[in-house]
PDB file of all heavy atoms in Angstrom:
ATOM      1  N   ARG A   1      44.592 -32.199 -76.911  1.00  0.00           N
ATOM      2  CA  ARG A   1      44.532 -33.404 -76.077  1.00  0.00           C
ATOM      3  C   ARG A   1      44.268 -33.041 -74.614  1.00  0.00           C
ATOM      4  O   ARG A   1      43.509 -33.739 -73.925  1.00  0.00           O
ATOM      5  CB  ARG A   1      45.837 -34.189 -76.192  1.00  0.00           C
ATOM      6  CG  ARG A   1      46.064 -34.803 -77.581  1.00  0.00           C
ATOM      7  CD  ARG A   1      47.219 -35.793 -77.574  1.00  0.00           C
ATOM      8  NE  ARG A   1      47.490 -36.303 -78.906  1.00  0.00           N
ATOM      9  CZ  ARG A   1      48.447 -35.855 -79.697  1.00  0.00           C
ATOM     10  NH1 ARG A   1      49.247 -34.884 -79.299  1.00  0.00           N
ATOM     11  NH2 ARG A   1      48.620 -36.380 -80.907  1.00  0.00           N
ATOM     12  N   THR A   2      44.907 -31.974 -74.139  1.00  0.00           N
ATOM     13  CA  THR A   2      44.683 -31.592 -72.739  1.00  0.00           C
ATOM     14  C   THR A   2      43.243 -31.132 -72.530  1.00  0.00           C
ATOM     15  O   THR A   2      42.655 -31.404 -71.476  1.00  0.00           O
ATOM     16  CB  THR A   2      45.648 -30.475 -72.290  1.00  0.00           C
ATOM     17  OG1 THR A   2      45.432 -29.296 -73.056  1.00  0.00           O
ATOM     18  CG2 THR A   2      47.085 -30.914 -72.434  1.00  0.00           C
ATOM     19  N   ARG A   3      42.682 -30.446 -73.515  1.00  0.00           N
ATOM     20  CA  ARG A   3      41.292 -30.010 -73.385  1.00  0.00           C
ATOM     21  C   ARG A   3      40.363 -31.233 -73.313  1.00  0.00           C
ATOM     22  O   ARG A   3      39.408 -31.256 -72.533  1.00  0.00           O
ATOM     23  CB  ARG A   3      40.892 -29.114 -74.552  1.00  0.00           C
ATOM     24  CG  ARG A   3      39.437 -28.637 -74.474  1.00  0.00           C
ATOM     25  CD  ARG A   3      39.060 -27.675 -75.570  1.00  0.00           C
ATOM     26  NE  ARG A   3      39.589 -26.347 -75.282  1.00  0.00           N
ATOM     27  CZ  ARG A   3      40.648 -25.835 -75.896  1.00  0.00           C
ATOM     28  NH1 ARG A   3      41.280 -26.531 -76.835  1.00  0.00           N
ATOM     29  NH2 ARG A   3      41.084 -24.620 -75.591  1.00  0.00           N
ATOM     30  N   LEU A   4      40.636 -32.231 -74.122  1.00  0.00           N
ATOM     31  CA  LEU A   4      39.829 -33.450 -74.090  1.00  0.00           C
ATOM     32  C   LEU A   4      39.958 -34.154 -72.736  1.00  0.00           C
ATOM     33  O   LEU A   4      38.979 -34.692 -72.214  1.00  0.00           O
ATOM     34  CB  LEU A   4      40.251 -34.392 -75.220  1.00  0.00           C
ATOM     35  CG  LEU A   4      39.954 -33.893 -76.642  1.00  0.00           C
ATOM     36  CD1 LEU A   4      40.549 -34.844 -77.680  1.00  0.00           C
ATOM     37  CD2 LEU A   4      38.457 -33.721 -76.863  1.00  0.00           C
ATOM     38  N   LEU A   5      41.175 -34.147 -72.173  1.00  0.00           N
ATOM     39  CA  LEU A   5      41.372 -34.732 -70.850  1.00  0.00           C
ATOM     40  C   LEU A   5      40.560 -33.985 -69.798  1.00  0.00           C
ATOM     41  O   LEU A   5      39.938 -34.597 -68.923  1.00  0.00           O
ATOM     42  CB  LEU A   5      42.864 -34.710 -70.473  1.00  0.00           C
ATOM     43  CG  LEU A   5      43.769 -35.690 -71.214  1.00  0.00           C
ATOM     44  CD1 LEU A   5      45.233 -35.398 -70.897  1.00  0.00           C
ATOM     45  CD2 LEU A   5      43.427 -37.132 -70.846  1.00  0.00           C
ATOM     46  N   LEU A   6      40.568 -32.658 -69.881  1.00  0.00           N
ATOM     47  CA  LEU A   6      39.784 -31.853 -68.944  1.00  0.00           C
ATOM     48  C   LEU A   6      38.301 -32.178 -69.067  1.00  0.00           C
ATOM     49  O   LEU A   6      37.597 -32.336 -68.060  1.00  0.00           O
ATOM     50  CB  LEU A   6      40.008 -30.360 -69.204  1.00  0.00           C
ATOM     51  CG  LEU A   6      41.291 -29.743 -68.662  1.00  0.00           C
ATOM     52  CD1 LEU A   6      41.390 -28.281 -69.083  1.00  0.00           C
ATOM     53  CD2 LEU A   6      41.345 -29.855 -67.144  1.00  0.00           C
ATOM     54  N   ASN A   7      37.828 -32.242 -70.307  1.00  0.00           N
ATOM     55  CA  ASN A   7      36.411 -32.538 -70.530  1.00  0.00           C
ATOM     56  C   ASN A   7      36.037 -33.924 -70.034  1.00  0.00           C
ATOM     57  O   ASN A   7      34.873 -34.178 -69.702  1.00  0.00           O
ATOM     58  CB  ASN A   7      36.075 -32.394 -72.017  1.00  0.00           C
ATOM     59  CG  ASN A   7      36.174 -30.960 -72.497  1.00  0.00           C
ATOM     60  OD1 ASN A   7      36.162 -30.027 -71.698  1.00  0.00           O
ATOM     61  ND2 ASN A   7      36.282 -30.774 -73.802  1.00  0.00           N
ATOM     62  N   ASP A   8      37.044 -34.810 -69.973  1.00  0.00           N
ATOM     63  CA  ASP A   8      36.818 -36.175 -69.482  1.00  0.00           C
ATOM     64  C   ASP A   8      37.127 -36.287 -67.991  1.00  0.00           C
ATOM     65  O   ASP A   8      37.176 -37.387 -67.437  1.00  0.00           O
ATOM     66  CB  ASP A   8      37.704 -37.149 -70.272  1.00  0.00           C
ATOM     67  CG  ASP A   8      37.246 -38.593 -70.127  1.00  0.00           C
ATOM     68  OD1 ASP A   8      36.025 -38.823 -70.034  1.00  0.00           O
ATOM     69  OD2 ASP A   8      38.108 -39.489 -70.116  1.00  0.00           O
ATOM     70  N   ASN A   9      37.352 -35.126 -67.361  1.00  0.00           N
ATOM     71  CA  ASN A   9      37.626 -35.048 -65.924  1.00  0.00           C
ATOM     72  C   ASN A   9      38.926 -35.736 -65.515  1.00  0.00           C
ATOM     73  O   ASN A   9      39.094 -36.131 -64.369  1.00  0.00           O
ATOM     74  CB  ASN A   9      36.464 -35.629 -65.108  1.00  0.00           C
ATOM     75  CG  ASN A   9      36.406 -35.050 -63.701  1.00  0.00           C
ATOM     76  OD1 ASN A   9      36.706 -33.882 -63.481  1.00  0.00           O
ATOM     77  ND2 ASN A   9      36.015 -35.861 -62.740  1.00  0.00           N
ATOM     78  N   GLN A  10      39.865 -35.836 -66.449  1.00  0.00           N
ATOM     79  CA  GLN A  10      41.191 -36.391 -66.126  1.00  0.00           C
ATOM     80  C   GLN A  10      42.124 -35.205 -65.825  1.00  0.00           C
ATOM     81  O   GLN A  10      43.023 -34.879 -66.586  1.00  0.00           O
ATOM     82  CB  GLN A  10      41.708 -37.236 -67.293  1.00  0.00           C
ATOM     83  CG  GLN A  10      40.838 -38.446 -67.590  1.00  0.00           C
ATOM     84  CD  GLN A  10      41.420 -39.330 -68.676  1.00  0.00           C
ATOM     85  OE1 GLN A  10      42.595 -39.711 -68.635  1.00  0.00           O
ATOM     86  NE2 GLN A  10      40.609 -39.662 -69.675  1.00  0.00           N
ATOM     87  N   ILE A  11      41.887 -34.584 -64.691  1.00  0.00           N
ATOM     88  CA  ILE A  11      42.521 -33.313 -64.350  1.00  0.00           C
ATOM     89  C   ILE A  11      44.030 -33.449 -64.161  1.00  0.00           C
ATOM     90  O   ILE A  11      44.811 -32.638 -64.686  1.00  0.00           O
ATOM     91  CB  ILE A  11      41.888 -32.707 -63.079  1.00  0.00           C
ATOM     92  CG1 ILE A  11      40.356 -32.692 -63.201  1.00  0.00           C
ATOM     93  CG2 ILE A  11      42.430 -31.310 -62.844  1.00  0.00           C
ATOM     94  CD1 ILE A  11      39.830 -31.953 -64.390  1.00  0.00           C
ATOM     95  N   GLU A  12      44.455 -34.451 -63.398  1.00  0.00           N
ATOM     96  CA  GLU A  12      45.883 -34.614 -63.121  1.00  0.00           C
ATOM     97  C   GLU A  12      46.664 -34.847 -64.411  1.00  0.00           C
ATOM     98  O   GLU A  12      47.766 -34.308 -64.593  1.00  0.00           O
ATOM     99  CB  GLU A  12      46.106 -35.779 -62.151  1.00  0.00           C
ATOM    100  CG  GLU A  12      45.609 -35.516 -60.736  1.00  0.00           C
ATOM    101  CD  GLU A  12      46.393 -34.405 -60.044  1.00  0.00           C
ATOM    102  OE1 GLU A  12      47.514 -34.086 -60.492  1.00  0.00           O
ATOM    103  OE2 GLU A  12      45.880 -33.857 -59.056  1.00  0.00           O
ATOM    104  N   ALA A  13      46.116 -35.641 -65.304  1.00  0.00           N
ATOM    105  CA  ALA A  13      46.792 -35.917 -66.580  1.00  0.00           C
ATOM    106  C   ALA A  13      46.921 -34.636 -67.397  1.00  0.00           C
ATOM    107  O   ALA A  13      47.963 -34.383 -68.013  1.00  0.00           O
ATOM    108  CB  ALA A  13      46.024 -36.970 -67.363  1.00  0.00           C
ATOM    109  N   ALA A  14      45.876 -33.816 -67.402  1.00  0.00           N
ATOM    110  CA  ALA A  14      45.915 -32.555 -68.137  1.00  0.00           C
ATOM    111  C   ALA A  14      46.950 -31.607 -67.535  1.00  0.00           C
ATOM    112  O   ALA A  14      47.745 -30.986 -68.258  1.00  0.00           O
ATOM    113  CB  ALA A  14      44.538 -31.896 -68.138  1.00  0.00           C
ATOM    114  N   LEU A  15      46.965 -31.514 -66.214  1.00  0.00           N
ATOM    115  CA  LEU A  15      47.909 -30.612 -65.542  1.00  0.00           C
ATOM    116  C   LEU A  15      49.356 -31.025 -65.796  1.00  0.00           C
ATOM    117  O   LEU A  15      50.241 -30.175 -65.862  1.00  0.00           O
ATOM    118  CB  LEU A  15      47.631 -30.585 -64.038  1.00  0.00           C
ATOM    119  CG  LEU A  15      46.483 -29.681 -63.584  1.00  0.00           C
ATOM    120  CD1 LEU A  15      46.207 -29.868 -62.102  1.00  0.00           C
ATOM    121  CD2 LEU A  15      46.789 -28.212 -63.886  1.00  0.00           C
ATOM    122  N   ALA A  16      49.592 -32.309 -65.928  1.00  0.00           N
ATOM    123  CA  ALA A  16      50.954 -32.787 -66.174  1.00  0.00           C
ATOM    124  C   ALA A  16      51.451 -32.365 -67.553  1.00  0.00           C
ATOM    125  O   ALA A  16      52.658 -32.154 -67.760  1.00  0.00           O
ATOM    126  CB  ALA A  16      51.007 -34.300 -66.038  1.00  0.00           C
ATOM    127  N   MET A  17      50.544 -32.222 -68.508  1.00  0.00           N
ATOM    128  CA  MET A  17      50.934 -31.894 -69.879  1.00  0.00           C
ATOM    129  C   MET A  17      51.139 -30.395 -70.100  1.00  0.00           C
ATOM    130  O   MET A  17      51.886 -29.992 -70.988  1.00  0.00           O
ATOM    131  CB  MET A  17      49.856 -32.387 -70.858  1.00  0.00           C
ATOM    132  CG  MET A  17      49.747 -33.895 -70.971  1.00  0.00           C
ATOM    133  SD  MET A  17      48.432 -34.398 -72.115  1.00  0.00           S
ATOM    134  CE  MET A  17      49.104 -33.772 -73.672  1.00  0.00           C
ATOM    135  N   LEU A  18      50.473 -29.563 -69.299  1.00  0.00           N
ATOM    136  CA  LEU A  18      50.407 -28.135 -69.617  1.00  0.00           C
ATOM    137  C   LEU A  18      51.682 -27.324 -69.334  1.00  0.00           C
ATOM    138  O   LEU A  18      52.038 -26.454 -70.135  1.00  0.00           O
ATOM    139  CB  LEU A  18      49.211 -27.504 -68.901  1.00  0.00           C
ATOM    140  CG  LEU A  18      47.858 -27.907 -69.489  1.00  0.00           C
ATOM    141  CD1 LEU A  18      46.717 -27.530 -68.552  1.00  0.00           C
ATOM    142  CD2 LEU A  18      47.667 -27.252 -70.855  1.00  0.00           C
ATOM    143  N   PRO A  19      52.416 -27.548 -68.229  1.00  0.00           N
ATOM    144  CA  PRO A  19      53.598 -26.712 -67.968  1.00  0.00           C
ATOM    145  C   PRO A  19      54.633 -26.703 -69.085  1.00  0.00           C
ATOM    146  O   PRO A  19      55.108 -25.632 -69.480  1.00  0.00           O
ATOM    147  CB  PRO A  19      54.152 -27.282 -66.660  1.00  0.00           C
ATOM    148  CG  PRO A  19      52.954 -27.842 -65.983  1.00  0.00           C
ATOM    149  CD  PRO A  19      52.115 -28.421 -67.078  1.00  0.00           C
ATOM    150  N   PRO A  20      55.026 -27.854 -69.656  1.00  0.00           N
ATOM    151  CA  PRO A  20      55.999 -27.800 -70.756  1.00  0.00           C
ATOM    152  C   PRO A  20      55.455 -27.106 -71.997  1.00  0.00           C
ATOM    153  O   PRO A  20      56.208 -26.463 -72.732  1.00  0.00           O
ATOM    154  CB  PRO A  20      56.316 -29.278 -71.042  1.00  0.00           C
ATOM    155  CG  PRO A  20      55.217 -30.057 -70.410  1.00  0.00           C
ATOM    156  CD  PRO A  20      54.755 -29.262 -69.261  1.00  0.00           C
ATOM    157  N   LEU A  21      54.142 -27.211 -72.221  1.00  0.00           N
ATOM    158  CA  LEU A  21      53.540 -26.499 -73.358  1.00  0.00           C
ATOM    159  C   LEU A  21      53.624 -24.996 -73.137  1.00  0.00           C
ATOM    160  O   LEU A  21      53.915 -24.232 -74.070  1.00  0.00           O
ATOM    161  CB  LEU A  21      52.077 -26.925 -73.537  1.00  0.00           C
ATOM    162  CG  LEU A  21      51.824 -28.352 -74.023  1.00  0.00           C
ATOM    163  CD1 LEU A  21      50.326 -28.623 -74.101  1.00  0.00           C
ATOM    164  CD2 LEU A  21      52.466 -28.573 -75.379  1.00  0.00           C
ATOM    165  N   LEU A  22      53.369 -24.556 -71.911  1.00  0.00           N
ATOM    166  CA  LEU A  22      53.449 -23.135 -71.605  1.00  0.00           C
ATOM    167  C   LEU A  22      54.882 -22.634 -71.749  1.00  0.00           C
ATOM    168  O   LEU A  22      55.127 -21.560 -72.319  1.00  0.00           O
ATOM    169  CB  LEU A  22      52.940 -22.873 -70.182  1.00  0.00           C
ATOM    170  CG  LEU A  22      52.983 -21.412 -69.720  1.00  0.00           C
ATOM    171  CD1 LEU A  22      52.146 -20.520 -70.637  1.00  0.00           C
ATOM    172  CD2 LEU A  22      52.495 -21.293 -68.274  1.00  0.00           C
ATOM    173  N   GLU A  23      55.827 -23.409 -71.252  1.00  0.00           N
ATOM    174  CA  GLU A  23      57.237 -23.017 -71.363  1.00  0.00           C
ATOM    175  C   GLU A  23      57.654 -22.876 -72.824  1.00  0.00           C
ATOM    176  O   GLU A  23      58.352 -21.920 -73.201  1.00  0.00           O
ATOM    177  CB  GLU A  23      58.118 -24.045 -70.664  1.00  0.00           C
ATOM    178  CG  GLU A  23      59.600 -23.685 -70.681  1.00  0.00           C
ATOM    179  CD  GLU A  23      60.454 -24.720 -69.961  1.00  0.00           C
ATOM    180  OE1 GLU A  23      59.892 -25.656 -69.371  1.00  0.00           O
ATOM    181  OE2 GLU A  23      61.697 -24.594 -70.005  1.00  0.00           O
ATOM    182  N   SER A  24      57.214 -23.799 -73.646  1.00  0.00           N
ATOM    183  CA  SER A  24      57.546 -23.743 -75.078  1.00  0.00           C
ATOM    184  C   SER A  24      56.921 -22.523 -75.738  1.00  0.00           C
ATOM    185  O   SER A  24      57.561 -21.833 -76.537  1.00  0.00           O
ATOM    186  CB  SER A  24      57.083 -25.016 -75.778  1.00  0.00           C
ATOM    187  OG  SER A  24      57.373 -24.963 -77.155  1.00  0.00           O
ATOM    188  N   ALA A  25      55.644 -22.250 -75.414  1.00  0.00           N
ATOM    189  CA  ALA A  25      54.962 -21.082 -75.987  1.00  0.00           C
ATOM    190  C   ALA A  25      55.652 -19.789 -75.568  1.00  0.00           C
ATOM    191  O   ALA A  25      55.793 -18.849 -76.362  1.00  0.00           O
ATOM    192  CB  ALA A  25      53.495 -21.071 -75.567  1.00  0.00           C
ATOM    193  N   GLU A  26      56.101 -19.733 -74.319  1.00  0.00           N
ATOM    194  CA  GLU A  26      56.813 -18.548 -73.833  1.00  0.00           C
ATOM    195  C   GLU A  26      58.138 -18.380 -74.564  1.00  0.00           C
ATOM    196  O   GLU A  26      58.505 -17.257 -74.952  1.00  0.00           O
ATOM    197  CB  GLU A  26      57.048 -18.670 -72.321  1.00  0.00           C
ATOM    198  CG  GLU A  26      55.782 -18.549 -71.500  1.00  0.00           C
ATOM    199  CD  GLU A  26      56.014 -18.875 -70.033  1.00  0.00           C
ATOM    200  OE1 GLU A  26      56.959 -19.642 -69.724  1.00  0.00           O
ATOM    201  OE2 GLU A  26      55.252 -18.386 -69.191  1.00  0.00           O
ATOM    202  N   THR A  27      58.853 -19.482 -74.774  1.00  0.00           N
ATOM    203  CA  THR A  27      60.132 -19.432 -75.475  1.00  0.00           C
ATOM    204  C   THR A  27      59.954 -18.909 -76.902  1.00  0.00           C
ATOM    205  O   THR A  27      60.770 -18.136 -77.397  1.00  0.00           O
ATOM    206  CB  THR A  27      60.779 -20.834 -75.514  1.00  0.00           C
ATOM    207  OG1 THR A  27      61.008 -21.274 -74.170  1.00  0.00           O
ATOM    208  CG2 THR A  27      62.101 -20.802 -76.267  1.00  0.00           C
ATOM    209  N   GLN A  28      58.875 -19.338 -77.545  1.00  0.00           N
ATOM    210  CA  GLN A  28      58.613 -18.924 -78.919  1.00  0.00           C
ATOM    211  C   GLN A  28      57.884 -17.579 -79.005  1.00  0.00           C
ATOM    212  O   GLN A  28      57.606 -17.085 -80.092  1.00  0.00           O
ATOM    213  CB  GLN A  28      57.762 -19.995 -79.623  1.00  0.00           C
ATOM    214  CG  GLN A  28      58.456 -21.339 -79.747  1.00  0.00           C
ATOM    215  CD  GLN A  28      57.546 -22.375 -80.366  1.00  0.00           C
ATOM    216  OE1 GLN A  28      57.253 -22.337 -81.559  1.00  0.00           O
ATOM    217  NE2 GLN A  28      57.074 -23.322 -79.554  1.00  0.00           N
ATOM    218  N   GLU A  29      57.553 -17.015 -77.826  1.00  0.00           N
ATOM    219  CA  GLU A  29      56.799 -15.762 -77.751  1.00  0.00           C
ATOM    220  C   GLU A  29      55.483 -15.887 -78.519  1.00  0.00           C
ATOM    221  O   GLU A  29      55.053 -14.974 -79.226  1.00  0.00           O
ATOM    222  CB  GLU A  29      57.632 -14.585 -78.276  1.00  0.00           C
ATOM    223  CG  GLU A  29      58.887 -14.336 -77.462  1.00  0.00           C
ATOM    224  CD  GLU A  29      59.674 -13.130 -77.931  1.00  0.00           C
ATOM    225  OE1 GLU A  29      59.379 -12.629 -79.032  1.00  0.00           O
ATOM    226  OE2 GLU A  29      60.560 -12.681 -77.193  1.00  0.00           O
ATOM    227  N   TYR A  30      54.850 -17.051 -78.357  1.00  0.00           N
ATOM    228  CA  TYR A  30      53.582 -17.349 -79.021  1.00  0.00           C
ATOM    229  C   TYR A  30      52.458 -16.921 -78.077  1.00  0.00           C
ATOM    230  O   TYR A  30      51.968 -17.701 -77.276  1.00  0.00           O
ATOM    231  CB  TYR A  30      53.528 -18.838 -79.347  1.00  0.00           C
ATOM    232  CG  TYR A  30      52.286 -19.311 -80.041  1.00  0.00           C
ATOM    233  CD1 TYR A  30      51.568 -18.502 -80.910  1.00  0.00           C
ATOM    234  CD2 TYR A  30      51.826 -20.615 -79.834  1.00  0.00           C
ATOM    235  CE1 TYR A  30      50.429 -18.951 -81.543  1.00  0.00           C
ATOM    236  CE2 TYR A  30      50.687 -21.086 -80.473  1.00  0.00           C
ATOM    237  CZ  TYR A  30      49.998 -20.245 -81.326  1.00  0.00           C
ATOM    238  OH  TYR A  30      48.862 -20.707 -81.948  1.00  0.00           O
ATOM    239  N   LEU A  31      52.046 -15.654 -78.183  1.00  0.00           N
ATOM    240  CA  LEU A  31      51.138 -15.045 -77.215  1.00  0.00           C
ATOM    241  C   LEU A  31      49.808 -15.776 -77.117  1.00  0.00           C
ATOM    242  O   LEU A  31      49.356 -16.099 -76.013  1.00  0.00           O
ATOM    243  CB  LEU A  31      50.906 -13.577 -77.582  1.00  0.00           C
ATOM    244  CG  LEU A  31      49.944 -12.812 -76.660  1.00  0.00           C
ATOM    245  CD1 LEU A  31      50.492 -12.747 -75.243  1.00  0.00           C
ATOM    246  CD2 LEU A  31      49.698 -11.406 -77.199  1.00  0.00           C
ATOM    247  N   TRP A  32      49.162 -16.023 -78.253  1.00  0.00           N
ATOM    248  CA  TRP A  32      47.847 -16.655 -78.204  1.00  0.00           C
ATOM    249  C   TRP A  32      47.937 -18.045 -77.571  1.00  0.00           C
ATOM    250  O   TRP A  32      47.084 -18.430 -76.765  1.00  0.00           O
ATOM    251  CB  TRP A  32      47.253 -16.741 -79.606  1.00  0.00           C
ATOM    252  CG  TRP A  32      45.849 -17.258 -79.616  1.00  0.00           C
ATOM    253  CD1 TRP A  32      44.706 -16.578 -79.307  1.00  0.00           C
ATOM    254  CD2 TRP A  32      45.429 -18.597 -79.925  1.00  0.00           C
ATOM    255  NE1 TRP A  32      43.602 -17.395 -79.417  1.00  0.00           N
ATOM    256  CE2 TRP A  32      44.014 -18.642 -79.797  1.00  0.00           C
ATOM    257  CE3 TRP A  32      46.103 -19.742 -80.313  1.00  0.00           C
ATOM    258  CZ2 TRP A  32      43.276 -19.798 -80.040  1.00  0.00           C
ATOM    259  CZ3 TRP A  32      45.366 -20.908 -80.547  1.00  0.00           C
ATOM    260  CH2 TRP A  32      43.972 -20.922 -80.412  1.00  0.00           C
ATOM    261  N   GLY A  33      48.995 -18.786 -77.910  1.00  0.00           N
ATOM    262  CA  GLY A  33      49.188 -20.095 -77.309  1.00  0.00           C
ATOM    263  C   GLY A  33      49.370 -19.998 -75.808  1.00  0.00           C
ATOM    264  O   GLY A  33      48.829 -20.810 -75.048  1.00  0.00           O
ATOM    265  N   MET A  34      50.136 -19.014 -75.345  1.00  0.00           N
ATOM    266  CA  MET A  34      50.324 -18.815 -73.912  1.00  0.00           C
ATOM    267  C   MET A  34      48.990 -18.581 -73.219  1.00  0.00           C
ATOM    268  O   MET A  34      48.708 -19.169 -72.161  1.00  0.00           O
ATOM    269  CB  MET A  34      51.259 -17.616 -73.663  1.00  0.00           C
ATOM    270  CG  MET A  34      52.696 -17.848 -74.066  1.00  0.00           C
ATOM    271  SD  MET A  34      53.651 -16.294 -74.068  1.00  0.00           S
ATOM    272  CE  MET A  34      53.426 -15.760 -72.370  1.00  0.00           C
ATOM    273  N   ILE A  35      48.169 -17.731 -73.809  1.00  0.00           N
ATOM    274  CA  ILE A  35      46.878 -17.394 -73.205  1.00  0.00           C
ATOM    275  C   ILE A  35      45.993 -18.628 -73.110  1.00  0.00           C
ATOM    276  O   ILE A  35      45.393 -18.911 -72.062  1.00  0.00           O
ATOM    277  CB  ILE A  35      46.181 -16.284 -74.003  1.00  0.00           C
ATOM    278  CG1 ILE A  35      46.974 -14.971 -73.881  1.00  0.00           C
ATOM    279  CG2 ILE A  35      44.742 -16.080 -73.526  1.00  0.00           C
ATOM    280  CD1 ILE A  35      46.576 -13.907 -74.880  1.00  0.00           C
ATOM    281  N   LYS A  36      45.901 -19.400 -74.194  1.00  0.00           N
ATOM    282  CA  LYS A  36      45.044 -20.582 -74.198  1.00  0.00           C
ATOM    283  C   LYS A  36      45.517 -21.612 -73.162  1.00  0.00           C
ATOM    284  O   LYS A  36      44.701 -22.245 -72.482  1.00  0.00           O
ATOM    285  CB  LYS A  36      45.024 -21.218 -75.586  1.00  0.00           C
ATOM    286  CG  LYS A  36      44.376 -20.359 -76.655  1.00  0.00           C
ATOM    287  CD  LYS A  36      42.920 -20.050 -76.351  1.00  0.00           C
ATOM    288  CE  LYS A  36      42.010 -21.224 -76.570  1.00  0.00           C
ATOM    289  NZ  LYS A  36      40.566 -20.871 -76.410  1.00  0.00           N
ATOM    290  N   ILE A  37      46.834 -21.771 -73.035  1.00  0.00           N
ATOM    291  CA  ILE A  37      47.363 -22.735 -72.069  1.00  0.00           C
ATOM    292  C   ILE A  37      47.082 -22.267 -70.643  1.00  0.00           C
ATOM    293  O   ILE A  37      46.703 -23.061 -69.769  1.00  0.00           O
ATOM    294  CB  ILE A  37      48.874 -22.949 -72.287  1.00  0.00           C
ATOM    295  CG1 ILE A  37      49.112 -23.628 -73.652  1.00  0.00           C
ATOM    296  CG2 ILE A  37      49.467 -23.809 -71.167  1.00  0.00           C
ATOM    297  CD1 ILE A  37      50.532 -23.552 -74.142  1.00  0.00           C
ATOM    298  N   LEU A  38      47.236 -20.991 -70.383  1.00  0.00           N
ATOM    299  CA  LEU A  38      46.922 -20.442 -69.058  1.00  0.00           C
ATOM    300  C   LEU A  38      45.451 -20.668 -68.713  1.00  0.00           C
ATOM    301  O   LEU A  38      45.114 -20.988 -67.568  1.00  0.00           O
ATOM    302  CB  LEU A  38      47.247 -18.945 -69.013  1.00  0.00           C
ATOM    303  CG  LEU A  38      48.733 -18.590 -68.962  1.00  0.00           C
ATOM    304  CD1 LEU A  38      48.934 -17.101 -69.237  1.00  0.00           C
ATOM    305  CD2 LEU A  38      49.347 -18.966 -67.613  1.00  0.00           C
ATOM    306  N   LEU A  39      44.579 -20.512 -69.705  1.00  0.00           N
ATOM    307  CA  LEU A  39      43.149 -20.723 -69.461  1.00  0.00           C
ATOM    308  C   LEU A  39      42.855 -22.194 -69.158  1.00  0.00           C
ATOM    309  O   LEU A  39      42.025 -22.499 -68.291  1.00  0.00           O
ATOM    310  CB  LEU A  39      42.328 -20.250 -70.660  1.00  0.00           C
ATOM    311  CG  LEU A  39      42.373 -18.749 -70.952  1.00  0.00           C
ATOM    312  CD1 LEU A  39      41.481 -18.406 -72.137  1.00  0.00           C
ATOM    313  CD2 LEU A  39      41.960 -17.929 -69.729  1.00  0.00           C
TER     314      LEU A  39
END
C-alpha cells in the first residue's frame, strides 16, 4: 500500500505508514522487510 501511495505521489501518507512497519520488522528481525521499508 505504501508503494502504491508513493507511485501516486501521496508522499506524506506513505511516510506516515512506514515507521511502525520498520519498527515491527526490526522487532521480528525480518531483514529483507527492513531493507525494503528503508528503501
